[in-house]
């Protein structure tokens, strides 16, 4: 009973590694993508993504959503508007499934919004065009996660749903020192990541920031 989900999480991790490689390849180049893929695959911190937890299920949806927007941005397979619309909608559906799996990933919405604005301006500098593209992408992000509260409302458990959400949000133990466990588990990745963030600030790499 435990081996099957562990094998499934391992397969998802292989997919995650491929998606991380492709995202980095689109953003930077093949050499950086190769190093990133290796770091993602072998560093101790990546062990967290091989456990039977919701984040392991959520991550492929999130990474796929980002990759589809990058494909549009780079113009790969998206020469016509209808293909761009399909990719936009697919990206929105994938991110909505990631949010439906675990809500905090909604904090990645600004990243994809930034990329949508970037590729929209690349094709046509028009606010209406940006709004149109954003609407196609954003509609499933509203509709699919809404299934949960709507279902709770239908079965007369909406108050329990509210209590559960509030309990998960504000009543759990928090620690301000979020860096300490990361530093203990994987100091190499911690310092490489910190150096990468500093470099991205210097280069104004808004994607990574």
N, C-alpha and C. Protein backbone atom coordinates (compact mmCIF):
# COMPACT_ATOMS: atom_id res chain seq x y z
N UNK A 1 0.82 -1.22 0.00
CA UNK A 1 0.00 0.00 0.00
C UNK A 1 0.86 1.27 0.00
N UNK A 2 2.04 1.17 0.60
CA UNK A 2 2.89 2.34 0.65
C UNK A 2 3.86 2.40 -0.54
N UNK A 3 4.21 1.23 -1.07
CA UNK A 3 5.17 1.18 -2.18
C UNK A 3 4.62 1.82 -3.45
N UNK A 4 3.34 1.55 -3.74
CA UNK A 4 2.74 2.07 -4.98
C UNK A 4 2.74 3.60 -5.01
N UNK A 5 2.26 4.29 -3.96
CA UNK A 5 2.34 5.75 -4.01
C UNK A 5 3.77 6.28 -4.02
N UNK A 6 4.71 5.57 -3.37
CA UNK A 6 6.11 6.02 -3.41
C UNK A 6 6.67 5.93 -4.82
N UNK A 7 6.34 4.86 -5.54
CA UNK A 7 6.77 4.72 -6.94
C UNK A 7 6.14 5.83 -7.78
N UNK A 8 4.85 6.13 -7.53
CA UNK A 8 4.16 7.19 -8.27
C UNK A 8 4.83 8.54 -8.02
N UNK A 9 5.21 8.82 -6.76
CA UNK A 9 5.89 10.08 -6.45
C UNK A 9 7.25 10.14 -7.13
N UNK A 10 7.92 8.98 -7.22
CA UNK A 10 9.20 8.94 -7.93
C UNK A 10 9.05 9.28 -9.40
N UNK A 11 7.99 8.77 -10.03
CA UNK A 11 7.72 9.09 -11.44
C UNK A 11 7.42 10.57 -11.61
N UNK A 12 6.64 11.13 -10.67
CA UNK A 12 6.35 12.56 -10.72
C UNK A 12 7.64 13.38 -10.59
N UNK A 13 8.56 12.90 -9.76
CA UNK A 13 9.82 13.61 -9.58
C UNK A 13 10.63 13.62 -10.87
N UNK A 14 10.60 12.51 -11.62
CA UNK A 14 11.28 12.48 -12.93
C UNK A 14 10.66 13.50 -13.88
N UNK A 15 9.33 13.60 -13.87
CA UNK A 15 8.63 14.59 -14.70
C UNK A 15 9.01 16.00 -14.26
N UNK A 16 9.07 16.23 -12.94
CA UNK A 16 9.47 17.55 -12.41
C UNK A 16 10.86 17.94 -12.89
N UNK A 17 11.78 16.97 -12.84
CA UNK A 17 13.16 17.25 -13.26
C UNK A 17 13.21 17.66 -14.73
N UNK A 18 12.44 16.95 -15.57
CA UNK A 18 12.37 17.29 -17.00
C UNK A 18 11.76 18.69 -17.19
N UNK A 19 10.70 19.00 -16.44
CA UNK A 19 10.05 20.31 -16.57
C UNK A 19 10.98 21.44 -16.12
N UNK A 20 11.71 21.21 -15.02
CA UNK A 20 12.68 22.22 -14.55
C UNK A 20 13.75 22.44 -15.62
N UNK A 21 14.23 21.35 -16.22
CA UNK A 21 15.22 21.47 -17.30
C UNK A 21 14.67 22.30 -18.46
N UNK A 22 13.43 22.02 -18.89
CA UNK A 22 12.85 22.72 -20.03
C UNK A 22 12.61 24.20 -19.71
N UNK A 23 12.11 24.49 -18.51
CA UNK A 23 11.87 25.89 -18.12
C UNK A 23 13.17 26.68 -18.14
N UNK A 24 14.23 26.09 -17.56
CA UNK A 24 15.53 26.77 -17.53
C UNK A 24 16.12 26.91 -18.93
N UNK A 25 15.89 25.90 -19.76
CA UNK A 25 16.38 25.95 -21.15
C UNK A 25 15.71 27.10 -21.90
N UNK A 26 14.41 27.27 -21.73
CA UNK A 26 13.69 28.36 -22.39
C UNK A 26 14.11 29.73 -21.86
N UNK A 27 14.38 29.80 -20.54
CA UNK A 27 14.71 31.10 -19.93
C UNK A 27 16.16 31.51 -20.17
N UNK A 28 17.07 30.51 -20.18
CA UNK A 28 18.49 30.84 -20.24
C UNK A 28 19.16 30.08 -21.40
N UNK A 29 19.78 28.94 -21.14
CA UNK A 29 20.36 28.14 -22.22
C UNK A 29 20.50 26.69 -21.78
N UNK A 30 20.97 25.83 -22.70
CA UNK A 30 21.01 24.39 -22.43
C UNK A 30 22.00 24.03 -21.34
N UNK A 31 23.14 24.75 -21.27
CA UNK A 31 24.16 24.44 -20.26
C UNK A 31 23.63 24.72 -18.85
N UNK A 32 23.00 25.87 -18.68
CA UNK A 32 22.42 26.22 -17.38
C UNK A 32 21.30 25.24 -17.03
N UNK A 33 20.51 24.86 -18.04
CA UNK A 33 19.42 23.91 -17.81
C UNK A 33 19.96 22.56 -17.36
N UNK A 34 21.10 22.13 -17.93
CA UNK A 34 21.70 20.85 -17.57
C UNK A 34 22.16 20.86 -16.10
N UNK A 35 22.84 21.93 -15.71
CA UNK A 35 23.31 22.06 -14.32
C UNK A 35 22.13 22.14 -13.36
N UNK A 36 21.11 22.91 -13.74
CA UNK A 36 19.92 23.04 -12.90
C UNK A 36 19.22 21.70 -12.71
N UNK A 37 19.09 20.94 -13.80
CA UNK A 37 18.45 19.63 -13.72
C UNK A 37 19.19 18.70 -12.78
N UNK A 38 20.55 18.71 -12.84
CA UNK A 38 21.35 17.87 -11.96
C UNK A 38 21.16 18.29 -10.50
N UNK A 39 21.24 19.60 -10.24
CA UNK A 39 21.06 20.10 -8.87
C UNK A 39 19.68 19.72 -8.34
N UNK A 40 18.67 19.86 -9.19
CA UNK A 40 17.30 19.53 -8.78
C UNK A 40 17.17 18.05 -8.46
N UNK A 41 17.89 17.22 -9.20
CA UNK A 41 17.73 15.77 -9.07
C UNK A 41 18.49 15.18 -7.88
N UNK A 42 19.67 15.75 -7.53
CA UNK A 42 20.54 15.06 -6.57
C UNK A 42 20.71 15.77 -5.23
N UNK A 43 20.32 17.04 -5.12
CA UNK A 43 20.55 17.74 -3.86
C UNK A 43 19.62 17.22 -2.76
N UNK A 44 20.08 17.21 -1.51
CA UNK A 44 19.27 16.67 -0.40
C UNK A 44 17.89 17.30 -0.26
N UNK A 45 17.77 18.59 -0.56
CA UNK A 45 16.49 19.26 -0.38
C UNK A 45 15.41 18.68 -1.29
N UNK A 46 15.83 18.12 -2.43
CA UNK A 46 14.85 17.56 -3.36
C UNK A 46 14.19 16.30 -2.81
N UNK A 47 14.77 15.74 -1.73
CA UNK A 47 14.13 14.59 -1.07
C UNK A 47 12.71 14.93 -0.64
N UNK A 48 12.48 16.19 -0.30
CA UNK A 48 11.15 16.62 0.14
C UNK A 48 10.10 16.33 -0.94
N UNK A 49 10.52 16.34 -2.21
CA UNK A 49 9.58 16.16 -3.32
C UNK A 49 9.37 14.69 -3.67
N UNK A 50 10.01 13.78 -2.95
CA UNK A 50 9.83 12.35 -3.21
C UNK A 50 8.94 11.71 -2.15
N UNK A 51 8.48 12.51 -1.23
CA UNK A 51 7.61 12.00 -0.18
C UNK A 51 6.16 11.98 -0.67
N UNK A 52 5.33 11.20 0.01
CA UNK A 52 3.92 11.11 -0.36
C UNK A 52 3.18 12.27 0.31
N UNK A 53 3.29 13.44 -0.30
CA UNK A 53 2.65 14.66 0.21
C UNK A 53 2.00 15.40 -0.95
N UNK A 54 1.13 16.35 -0.62
CA UNK A 54 0.40 17.08 -1.66
C UNK A 54 1.33 17.88 -2.57
N UNK A 55 2.42 18.41 -2.02
CA UNK A 55 3.33 19.23 -2.83
C UNK A 55 3.91 18.43 -4.00
N UNK A 56 4.12 17.13 -3.78
CA UNK A 56 4.67 16.28 -4.85
C UNK A 56 3.69 16.13 -6.01
N UNK A 57 2.40 16.15 -5.68
CA UNK A 57 1.35 16.07 -6.72
C UNK A 57 1.16 17.44 -7.38
N UNK A 58 1.30 18.47 -6.59
CA UNK A 58 1.04 19.84 -7.05
C UNK A 58 2.09 20.36 -8.03
N UNK A 59 3.36 20.01 -7.78
CA UNK A 59 4.45 20.64 -8.52
C UNK A 59 4.41 20.42 -10.04
N UNK A 60 4.09 19.21 -10.54
CA UNK A 60 4.03 19.06 -12.01
C UNK A 60 3.00 19.99 -12.67
N UNK A 61 1.86 20.22 -11.99
CA UNK A 61 0.86 21.14 -12.52
C UNK A 61 1.43 22.56 -12.62
N UNK A 62 2.10 22.99 -11.55
CA UNK A 62 2.66 24.34 -11.52
C UNK A 62 3.74 24.52 -12.58
N UNK A 63 4.68 23.59 -12.65
CA UNK A 63 5.78 23.70 -13.61
C UNK A 63 5.28 23.64 -15.05
N UNK A 64 4.29 22.79 -15.31
CA UNK A 64 3.73 22.69 -16.67
C UNK A 64 3.04 23.99 -17.06
N UNK A 65 2.36 24.62 -16.11
CA UNK A 65 1.70 25.90 -16.38
C UNK A 65 2.71 26.97 -16.77
N UNK A 66 3.82 27.03 -16.03
CA UNK A 66 4.87 28.01 -16.34
C UNK A 66 5.50 27.71 -17.69
N UNK A 67 5.77 26.43 -17.97
CA UNK A 67 6.41 26.05 -19.23
C UNK A 67 5.55 26.43 -20.44
N UNK A 68 4.24 26.24 -20.35
CA UNK A 68 3.36 26.58 -21.48
C UNK A 68 3.41 28.08 -21.79
N UNK A 69 3.46 28.91 -20.75
CA UNK A 69 3.56 30.35 -20.98
C UNK A 69 4.90 30.70 -21.62
N UNK A 70 5.96 30.03 -21.20
CA UNK A 70 7.27 30.27 -21.80
C UNK A 70 7.30 29.86 -23.27
N UNK A 71 6.60 28.78 -23.60
CA UNK A 71 6.50 28.33 -24.99
C UNK A 71 5.82 29.41 -25.84
N UNK A 72 4.77 30.03 -25.28
CA UNK A 72 4.10 31.12 -26.00
C UNK A 72 5.05 32.31 -26.14
N UNK A 73 5.75 32.64 -25.04
CA UNK A 73 6.64 33.80 -25.03
C UNK A 73 7.75 33.67 -26.06
N UNK A 74 8.27 32.46 -26.21
CA UNK A 74 9.37 32.24 -27.15
C UNK A 74 8.88 31.99 -28.58
N UNK A 75 7.56 31.87 -28.75
CA UNK A 75 7.00 31.68 -30.08
C UNK A 75 7.08 30.26 -30.60
N UNK A 76 7.42 29.30 -29.73
CA UNK A 76 7.51 27.89 -30.14
C UNK A 76 6.12 27.28 -30.26
N UNK A 77 5.79 26.73 -31.41
CA UNK A 77 4.49 26.08 -31.67
C UNK A 77 3.30 27.04 -31.47
N UNK A 78 3.54 28.33 -31.43
CA UNK A 78 2.43 29.25 -31.13
C UNK A 78 2.44 30.44 -32.09
N UNK A 79 2.51 30.13 -33.37
CA UNK A 79 2.56 31.19 -34.38
C UNK A 79 1.20 31.84 -34.61
N UNK A 80 0.12 31.09 -34.35
CA UNK A 80 -1.21 31.63 -34.59
C UNK A 80 -1.92 31.93 -33.27
N UNK A 81 -2.89 32.82 -33.32
CA UNK A 81 -3.59 33.25 -32.10
C UNK A 81 -4.37 32.11 -31.46
N UNK A 82 -4.97 31.25 -32.29
CA UNK A 82 -5.78 30.17 -31.71
C UNK A 82 -4.91 29.19 -30.91
N UNK A 83 -3.69 28.93 -31.38
CA UNK A 83 -2.78 28.05 -30.63
C UNK A 83 -2.35 28.73 -29.34
N UNK A 84 -2.08 30.04 -29.42
CA UNK A 84 -1.71 30.78 -28.21
C UNK A 84 -2.85 30.73 -27.20
N UNK A 85 -4.09 30.87 -27.67
CA UNK A 85 -5.26 30.82 -26.77
C UNK A 85 -5.38 29.45 -26.10
N UNK A 86 -5.16 28.38 -26.87
CA UNK A 86 -5.24 27.03 -26.32
C UNK A 86 -4.16 26.82 -25.25
N UNK A 87 -2.95 27.30 -25.55
CA UNK A 87 -1.86 27.16 -24.58
C UNK A 87 -2.12 28.00 -23.33
N UNK A 88 -2.68 29.20 -23.52
CA UNK A 88 -3.04 30.06 -22.38
C UNK A 88 -4.07 29.38 -21.49
N UNK A 89 -5.12 28.87 -22.12
CA UNK A 89 -6.18 28.19 -21.38
C UNK A 89 -5.63 26.96 -20.66
N UNK A 90 -4.79 26.20 -21.34
CA UNK A 90 -4.19 25.00 -20.73
C UNK A 90 -3.33 25.37 -19.54
N UNK A 91 -2.56 26.46 -19.68
CA UNK A 91 -1.74 26.93 -18.56
C UNK A 91 -2.60 27.32 -17.37
N UNK A 92 -3.71 28.01 -17.64
CA UNK A 92 -4.63 28.39 -16.57
C UNK A 92 -5.25 27.18 -15.88
N UNK A 93 -5.62 26.17 -16.66
CA UNK A 93 -6.21 24.95 -16.09
C UNK A 93 -5.19 24.23 -15.21
N UNK A 94 -3.94 24.14 -15.69
CA UNK A 94 -2.90 23.46 -14.92
C UNK A 94 -2.61 24.18 -13.61
N UNK A 95 -2.54 25.52 -13.67
CA UNK A 95 -2.29 26.26 -12.42
C UNK A 95 -3.48 26.15 -11.48
N UNK A 96 -4.70 26.15 -12.03
CA UNK A 96 -5.88 26.01 -11.19
C UNK A 96 -5.90 24.65 -10.49
N UNK A 97 -5.43 23.60 -11.18
CA UNK A 97 -5.33 22.28 -10.56
C UNK A 97 -4.27 22.27 -9.45
N UNK A 98 -3.19 23.03 -9.67
CA UNK A 98 -2.16 23.15 -8.63
C UNK A 98 -2.74 23.86 -7.40
N UNK A 99 -3.52 24.93 -7.63
CA UNK A 99 -4.15 25.66 -6.53
C UNK A 99 -5.18 24.78 -5.84
N UNK A 100 -5.93 24.01 -6.62
CA UNK A 100 -6.94 23.10 -6.07
C UNK A 100 -6.29 22.03 -5.20
N UNK A 101 -5.08 21.60 -5.58
CA UNK A 101 -4.35 20.60 -4.80
C UNK A 101 -3.90 21.18 -3.47
N UNK A 102 -3.33 22.38 -3.51
CA UNK A 102 -2.92 23.06 -2.28
C UNK A 102 -2.88 24.56 -2.53
N UNK A 103 -3.67 25.30 -1.78
CA UNK A 103 -3.99 26.69 -2.09
C UNK A 103 -2.79 27.65 -2.14
N UNK A 104 -1.78 27.55 -1.26
CA UNK A 104 -0.73 28.58 -1.23
C UNK A 104 -0.01 28.86 -2.55
N UNK A 105 -0.10 27.93 -3.51
CA UNK A 105 0.60 28.14 -4.79
C UNK A 105 -0.01 29.29 -5.59
N UNK A 106 -1.15 29.83 -5.14
CA UNK A 106 -1.72 31.00 -5.83
C UNK A 106 -0.74 32.17 -5.81
N UNK A 107 0.26 32.14 -4.91
CA UNK A 107 1.25 33.21 -4.84
C UNK A 107 2.13 33.27 -6.08
N UNK A 108 2.06 32.25 -6.94
CA UNK A 108 2.83 32.25 -8.20
C UNK A 108 2.09 32.94 -9.33
N UNK A 109 0.85 33.40 -9.07
CA UNK A 109 0.08 34.09 -10.11
C UNK A 109 0.83 35.30 -10.67
N UNK A 110 1.47 36.15 -9.83
CA UNK A 110 2.19 37.31 -10.40
C UNK A 110 3.29 36.93 -11.39
N UNK A 111 3.96 35.78 -11.18
CA UNK A 111 5.00 35.34 -12.11
C UNK A 111 4.42 35.13 -13.50
N UNK A 112 3.32 34.37 -13.58
CA UNK A 112 2.74 34.07 -14.89
C UNK A 112 2.08 35.31 -15.49
N UNK A 113 1.50 36.15 -14.63
CA UNK A 113 0.94 37.41 -15.12
C UNK A 113 2.02 38.27 -15.77
N UNK A 114 3.19 38.32 -15.15
CA UNK A 114 4.33 39.06 -15.72
C UNK A 114 4.68 38.53 -17.11
N UNK A 115 4.71 37.19 -17.25
CA UNK A 115 5.05 36.59 -18.55
C UNK A 115 3.97 36.83 -19.59
N UNK A 116 2.70 36.83 -19.15
CA UNK A 116 1.59 37.11 -20.08
C UNK A 116 1.69 38.53 -20.61
N UNK A 117 1.97 39.48 -19.73
CA UNK A 117 2.13 40.88 -20.14
C UNK A 117 3.31 41.01 -21.10
N UNK A 118 4.38 40.28 -20.81
CA UNK A 118 5.59 40.36 -21.63
C UNK A 118 5.34 39.86 -23.04
N UNK A 119 4.70 38.69 -23.16
CA UNK A 119 4.48 38.16 -24.51
C UNK A 119 3.37 38.93 -25.24
N UNK A 120 2.39 39.46 -24.49
CA UNK A 120 1.33 40.26 -25.12
C UNK A 120 1.90 41.53 -25.73
N UNK A 121 2.78 42.19 -24.99
CA UNK A 121 3.43 43.41 -25.51
C UNK A 121 4.33 43.11 -26.69
N UNK A 122 4.89 41.90 -26.70
CA UNK A 122 5.77 41.49 -27.79
C UNK A 122 4.99 41.37 -29.10
N UNK A 123 3.73 40.94 -29.00
CA UNK A 123 2.90 40.73 -30.19
C UNK A 123 2.13 42.00 -30.55
N UNK A 124 1.53 42.63 -29.54
CA UNK A 124 0.70 43.80 -29.80
C UNK A 124 0.63 44.66 -28.53
N UNK A 125 1.17 45.86 -28.59
CA UNK A 125 1.17 46.74 -27.41
C UNK A 125 -0.21 47.39 -27.26
N UNK A 126 -1.10 46.65 -26.63
CA UNK A 126 -2.48 47.09 -26.48
C UNK A 126 -3.02 46.54 -25.17
N UNK A 127 -3.52 47.42 -24.30
CA UNK A 127 -4.02 46.98 -22.99
C UNK A 127 -5.19 46.02 -23.12
N UNK A 128 -6.03 46.21 -24.13
CA UNK A 128 -7.17 45.31 -24.34
C UNK A 128 -6.70 43.90 -24.69
N UNK A 129 -5.62 43.83 -25.46
CA UNK A 129 -5.06 42.53 -25.83
C UNK A 129 -4.49 41.82 -24.60
N UNK A 130 -3.81 42.58 -23.74
CA UNK A 130 -3.27 42.01 -22.50
C UNK A 130 -4.41 41.51 -21.63
N UNK A 131 -5.47 42.32 -21.49
CA UNK A 131 -6.63 41.93 -20.67
C UNK A 131 -7.31 40.70 -21.24
N UNK A 132 -7.41 40.61 -22.56
CA UNK A 132 -8.02 39.44 -23.21
C UNK A 132 -7.23 38.17 -22.88
N UNK A 133 -5.90 38.25 -23.05
CA UNK A 133 -5.06 37.08 -22.78
C UNK A 133 -5.13 36.68 -21.31
N UNK A 134 -5.09 37.68 -20.43
CA UNK A 134 -5.17 37.40 -19.00
C UNK A 134 -6.50 36.76 -18.64
N UNK A 135 -7.59 37.21 -19.26
CA UNK A 135 -8.92 36.66 -18.97
C UNK A 135 -9.00 35.19 -19.37
N UNK A 136 -8.48 34.85 -20.56
CA UNK A 136 -8.48 33.46 -21.01
C UNK A 136 -7.74 32.58 -20.02
N UNK A 137 -6.62 33.08 -19.52
CA UNK A 137 -5.79 32.31 -18.59
C UNK A 137 -6.41 32.26 -17.18
N UNK A 138 -7.07 33.34 -16.77
CA UNK A 138 -7.50 33.47 -15.36
C UNK A 138 -8.85 32.81 -15.07
N UNK A 139 -9.71 32.67 -16.08
CA UNK A 139 -11.06 32.11 -15.84
C UNK A 139 -11.01 30.74 -15.16
N UNK A 140 -10.22 29.77 -15.66
CA UNK A 140 -10.19 28.47 -14.95
C UNK A 140 -9.60 28.56 -13.55
N UNK A 141 -8.75 29.56 -13.29
CA UNK A 141 -8.16 29.72 -11.96
C UNK A 141 -9.23 30.11 -10.94
N UNK A 142 -10.28 30.77 -11.42
CA UNK A 142 -11.41 31.10 -10.55
C UNK A 142 -12.37 29.92 -10.45
N UNK A 143 -12.67 29.29 -11.58
CA UNK A 143 -13.72 28.27 -11.62
C UNK A 143 -13.34 26.96 -10.93
N UNK A 144 -12.17 26.41 -11.26
CA UNK A 144 -11.82 25.07 -10.76
C UNK A 144 -11.62 25.04 -9.24
N UNK A 145 -10.84 25.95 -8.64
CA UNK A 145 -10.73 25.92 -7.18
C UNK A 145 -12.05 26.21 -6.46
N UNK A 146 -12.99 26.85 -7.17
CA UNK A 146 -14.29 27.14 -6.55
C UNK A 146 -15.13 25.88 -6.33
N UNK A 147 -14.74 24.77 -6.95
CA UNK A 147 -15.47 23.51 -6.77
C UNK A 147 -15.55 23.14 -5.29
N UNK A 148 -14.45 23.37 -4.58
CA UNK A 148 -14.38 22.97 -3.17
C UNK A 148 -15.40 23.72 -2.30
N UNK A 149 -15.40 25.08 -2.28
CA UNK A 149 -16.40 25.77 -1.46
C UNK A 149 -17.83 25.57 -1.95
N UNK A 150 -18.02 25.44 -3.27
CA UNK A 150 -19.37 25.21 -3.80
C UNK A 150 -19.90 23.87 -3.33
N UNK A 151 -19.05 22.84 -3.35
CA UNK A 151 -19.46 21.52 -2.87
C UNK A 151 -19.81 21.58 -1.39
N UNK A 152 -18.98 22.30 -0.61
CA UNK A 152 -19.27 22.45 0.83
C UNK A 152 -20.60 23.15 1.06
N UNK A 153 -20.91 24.12 0.19
CA UNK A 153 -22.17 24.84 0.29
C UNK A 153 -23.35 23.93 -0.03
N UNK A 154 -23.19 23.08 -1.05
CA UNK A 154 -24.27 22.18 -1.48
C UNK A 154 -24.62 21.18 -0.38
N UNK A 155 -23.60 20.67 0.31
CA UNK A 155 -23.86 19.65 1.34
C UNK A 155 -24.01 20.27 2.74
N UNK A 156 -24.22 21.60 2.76
CA UNK A 156 -24.47 22.32 4.02
C UNK A 156 -23.32 22.20 5.02
N UNK A 157 -22.10 22.26 4.51
CA UNK A 157 -20.92 22.24 5.38
C UNK A 157 -20.02 23.44 5.14
N UNK A 158 -20.63 24.53 4.64
CA UNK A 158 -19.83 25.71 4.31
C UNK A 158 -19.19 26.32 5.55
N UNK A 159 -19.92 26.32 6.69
CA UNK A 159 -19.35 26.86 7.93
C UNK A 159 -18.13 26.04 8.36
N UNK A 160 -18.21 24.72 8.21
CA UNK A 160 -17.06 23.87 8.53
C UNK A 160 -15.89 24.15 7.59
N UNK A 161 -16.23 24.42 6.33
CA UNK A 161 -15.19 24.74 5.35
C UNK A 161 -14.47 26.04 5.73
N UNK A 162 -15.24 27.06 6.10
CA UNK A 162 -14.66 28.34 6.54
C UNK A 162 -13.76 28.13 7.75
N UNK A 163 -14.27 27.37 8.74
CA UNK A 163 -13.48 27.11 9.95
C UNK A 163 -12.19 26.38 9.61
N UNK A 164 -12.26 25.43 8.69
CA UNK A 164 -11.07 24.68 8.29
C UNK A 164 -10.04 25.56 7.61
N UNK A 165 -10.50 26.42 6.71
CA UNK A 165 -9.59 27.32 6.00
C UNK A 165 -8.92 28.29 6.97
N UNK A 166 -9.72 28.88 7.88
CA UNK A 166 -9.17 29.82 8.86
C UNK A 166 -8.19 29.11 9.79
N UNK A 167 -8.56 27.88 10.20
CA UNK A 167 -7.68 27.12 11.07
C UNK A 167 -6.34 26.81 10.43
N UNK A 168 -6.36 26.43 9.16
CA UNK A 168 -5.13 26.13 8.43
C UNK A 168 -4.29 27.40 8.21
N UNK A 169 -4.98 28.54 8.13
CA UNK A 169 -4.29 29.78 7.78
C UNK A 169 -3.67 30.48 8.98
N UNK A 170 -4.40 30.59 10.07
CA UNK A 170 -3.95 31.46 11.16
C UNK A 170 -3.68 30.76 12.48
N UNK A 171 -4.10 29.50 12.64
CA UNK A 171 -3.99 28.88 13.95
C UNK A 171 -2.86 27.86 14.06
N UNK A 172 -2.10 27.67 12.98
CA UNK A 172 -1.01 26.69 13.03
C UNK A 172 0.27 27.37 13.52
N UNK A 173 1.14 26.58 14.13
CA UNK A 173 2.39 27.11 14.66
C UNK A 173 3.27 27.61 13.51
N UNK A 174 3.83 28.80 13.69
CA UNK A 174 4.69 29.38 12.68
C UNK A 174 6.07 29.64 13.28
N UNK A 175 7.09 29.67 12.44
CA UNK A 175 8.41 30.09 12.88
C UNK A 175 8.92 31.14 11.91
N UNK A 176 9.55 32.17 12.45
CA UNK A 176 10.08 33.23 11.60
C UNK A 176 11.38 32.80 10.94
N UNK A 177 12.09 31.83 11.55
CA UNK A 177 13.38 31.41 11.01
C UNK A 177 13.18 30.29 9.98
N UNK A 178 12.76 30.68 8.78
CA UNK A 178 12.49 29.68 7.74
C UNK A 178 13.78 29.19 7.07
N UNK A 179 14.89 29.91 7.29
CA UNK A 179 16.13 29.54 6.62
C UNK A 179 16.90 28.45 7.36
N UNK A 180 16.70 28.34 8.68
CA UNK A 180 17.50 27.41 9.48
C UNK A 180 17.37 25.95 9.02
N UNK A 181 16.12 25.42 8.84
CA UNK A 181 16.04 24.01 8.39
C UNK A 181 16.61 23.81 6.98
N UNK A 182 16.41 24.79 6.10
CA UNK A 182 16.96 24.70 4.74
C UNK A 182 18.49 24.63 4.82
N UNK A 183 19.08 25.49 5.65
CA UNK A 183 20.54 25.54 5.79
C UNK A 183 21.09 24.24 6.36
N UNK A 184 20.35 23.62 7.27
CA UNK A 184 20.79 22.35 7.87
C UNK A 184 20.70 21.19 6.88
N UNK A 185 19.60 21.15 6.13
CA UNK A 185 19.38 20.02 5.20
C UNK A 185 20.29 20.10 3.99
N UNK A 186 20.43 21.33 3.43
CA UNK A 186 21.13 21.44 2.14
C UNK A 186 21.88 22.77 2.06
N UNK A 187 23.02 22.91 2.78
CA UNK A 187 23.76 24.18 2.77
C UNK A 187 24.28 24.56 1.39
N UNK A 188 24.68 23.55 0.57
CA UNK A 188 25.21 23.86 -0.77
C UNK A 188 24.14 24.55 -1.62
N UNK A 189 22.95 23.95 -1.69
CA UNK A 189 21.87 24.53 -2.48
C UNK A 189 21.43 25.87 -1.92
N UNK A 190 21.47 26.01 -0.60
CA UNK A 190 21.09 27.27 0.03
C UNK A 190 21.97 28.42 -0.45
N UNK A 191 23.29 28.22 -0.42
CA UNK A 191 24.21 29.29 -0.80
C UNK A 191 24.22 29.52 -2.32
N UNK A 192 24.08 28.44 -3.10
CA UNK A 192 23.97 28.61 -4.56
C UNK A 192 22.71 29.41 -4.89
N UNK A 193 21.60 29.04 -4.24
CA UNK A 193 20.33 29.75 -4.47
C UNK A 193 20.41 31.21 -4.06
N UNK A 194 21.04 31.47 -2.90
CA UNK A 194 21.19 32.85 -2.43
C UNK A 194 22.03 33.66 -3.40
N UNK A 195 23.14 33.05 -3.87
CA UNK A 195 23.98 33.73 -4.85
C UNK A 195 23.23 34.00 -6.15
N UNK A 196 22.38 33.03 -6.57
CA UNK A 196 21.58 33.22 -7.78
C UNK A 196 20.58 34.35 -7.65
N UNK A 197 19.98 34.47 -6.47
CA UNK A 197 19.02 35.56 -6.25
C UNK A 197 19.71 36.92 -6.28
N UNK A 198 20.89 37.00 -5.66
CA UNK A 198 21.65 38.26 -5.68
C UNK A 198 22.02 38.63 -7.11
N UNK A 199 22.48 37.63 -7.88
CA UNK A 199 22.84 37.87 -9.29
C UNK A 199 21.61 38.31 -10.10
N UNK A 200 20.45 37.70 -9.81
CA UNK A 200 19.23 38.07 -10.54
C UNK A 200 18.82 39.50 -10.22
N UNK A 201 19.05 39.94 -8.99
CA UNK A 201 18.76 41.34 -8.63
C UNK A 201 19.67 42.29 -9.39
N UNK A 202 20.95 41.93 -9.49
CA UNK A 202 21.92 42.77 -10.20
C UNK A 202 21.56 42.85 -11.68
N UNK A 203 21.16 41.72 -12.25
CA UNK A 203 20.83 41.66 -13.69
C UNK A 203 19.38 42.04 -13.98
N UNK A 204 18.61 42.29 -12.92
CA UNK A 204 17.17 42.61 -13.05
C UNK A 204 16.43 41.51 -13.81
N UNK A 205 16.69 40.28 -13.41
CA UNK A 205 16.04 39.11 -14.00
C UNK A 205 14.70 38.91 -13.28
N UNK A 206 13.66 39.55 -13.78
CA UNK A 206 12.37 39.56 -13.08
C UNK A 206 11.72 38.19 -13.02
N UNK A 207 12.03 37.32 -13.96
CA UNK A 207 11.47 35.96 -13.93
C UNK A 207 11.88 35.24 -12.65
N UNK A 208 13.17 35.26 -12.35
CA UNK A 208 13.67 34.56 -11.17
C UNK A 208 13.27 35.29 -9.88
N UNK A 209 13.34 36.62 -9.90
CA UNK A 209 12.95 37.40 -8.71
C UNK A 209 11.51 37.12 -8.35
